[in-house]
Amino acid sequence: MIPEFNSLSEKIARLAALAHALRQENADLRLQMTSLSNDKEALSRRMDEAQRRVAALLEKLPELLPEQESEMAEEKAG
């Protein structure tokens, strides 16, 4: 009977250790997820700002006159 109790005690200890390890891994993954989420938001803001800046620059470019457009088309063609 004692060997069964010892075996059960060992199994419980392993289960407790596994549960502890899984809790720690879960906490680490939550921190990593939070960090990655913050990085994603920062990158998204930077992309939005870059997009606004490019749009502003495009608005400042002069429009091509019809003859300039035809010259550019001829240059591309050959």
Protein backbone atom coordinates (compact mmCIF):
# COMPACT_ATOMS: atom_id res chain seq x y z
CA MET A 1 0.00 0.00 0.00
CA ILE A 2 2.86 2.39 0.81
CA PRO A 3 4.36 2.05 -2.72
CA GLU A 4 1.01 3.12 -4.21
CA PHE A 5 0.94 6.20 -1.96
CA ASN A 6 4.52 7.03 -2.91
CA SER A 7 3.69 6.65 -6.59
CA LEU A 8 0.58 8.80 -6.21
CA SER A 9 2.57 11.39 -4.26
CA GLU A 10 5.19 11.54 -7.04
CA LYS A 11 2.48 11.92 -9.68
CA ILE A 12 0.85 14.75 -7.71
CA ALA A 13 4.22 16.49 -7.33
CA ARG A 14 4.86 16.20 -11.10
CA LEU A 15 1.36 17.48 -11.83
CA ALA A 16 1.87 20.45 -9.50
CA ALA A 17 5.23 21.24 -11.11
CA LEU A 18 3.68 21.02 -14.59
CA ALA A 19 0.79 23.28 -13.55
CA HIS A 20 3.28 25.81 -12.15
CA ALA A 21 5.38 25.70 -15.34
CA LEU A 22 2.28 26.16 -17.50
CA ARG A 23 1.13 29.14 -15.41
CA GLN A 24 4.55 30.74 -15.80
CA GLU A 25 4.59 30.07 -19.54
CA ASN A 26 1.09 31.55 -19.83
CA ALA A 27 2.19 34.68 -17.98
CA ASP A 28 5.26 35.01 -20.22
CA LEU A 29 3.12 34.61 -23.34
CA ARG A 30 0.68 37.27 -22.12
CA LEU A 31 3.57 39.70 -21.62
CA GLN A 32 4.92 38.88 -25.06
CA MET A 33 1.47 39.35 -26.60
CA THR A 34 1.11 42.75 -24.91
CA SER A 35 4.53 43.83 -26.15
CA LEU A 36 3.80 42.68 -29.70
CA SER A 37 0.43 44.40 -29.64
CA ASN A 38 2.09 47.65 -28.58
CA ASP A 39 4.68 47.26 -31.35
CA LYS A 40 1.91 46.66 -33.88
CA GLU A 41 0.08 49.81 -32.79
CA ALA A 42 3.26 51.88 -33.01
CA LEU A 43 4.03 50.55 -36.49
CA SER A 44 0.48 51.20 -37.59
CA ARG A 45 0.72 54.80 -36.41
CA ARG A 46 4.03 55.21 -38.24
CA MET A 47 2.53 53.79 -41.44
CA ASP A 48 -0.45 56.13 -41.18
CA GLU A 49 1.86 59.10 -40.69
CA ALA A 50 4.02 58.05 -43.65
CA GLN A 51 0.91 57.65 -45.78
CA ARG A 52 -0.26 61.16 -44.82
CA ARG A 53 3.16 62.61 -45.62
CA VAL A 54 3.30 60.91 -49.02
CA ALA A 55 -0.21 62.15 -49.83
CA ALA A 56 0.81 65.68 -48.82
CA LEU A 57 3.88 65.50 -51.05
CA LEU A 58 1.82 64.20 -53.96
CA GLU A 59 -0.54 67.14 -53.59
CA LYS A 60 2.40 69.54 -53.82
CA LEU A 61 3.66 68.07 -57.10
CA PRO A 62 2.68 70.12 -60.12
CA GLU A 63 0.23 68.53 -62.50
CA LEU A 64 1.58 67.53 -65.89
CA LEU A 65 0.47 69.51 -68.88
CA PRO A 66 -1.04 67.46 -71.74
CA GLU A 67 2.08 67.91 -73.87
CA GLN A 68 4.29 66.69 -71.01
CA GLU A 69 2.12 63.60 -70.64
CA SER A 70 2.46 62.80 -74.34
CA GLU A 71 6.26 63.30 -74.17
CA MET A 72 6.46 60.90 -71.24
CA ALA A 73 4.37 58.34 -73.11
CA GLU A 74 6.67 58.63 -76.15
CA GLU A 75 9.74 58.17 -73.97
CA LYS A 76 8.29 55.02 -72.45
CA ALA A 77 7.33 53.64 -75.84
CA GLY A 78 10.67 53.86 -77.33
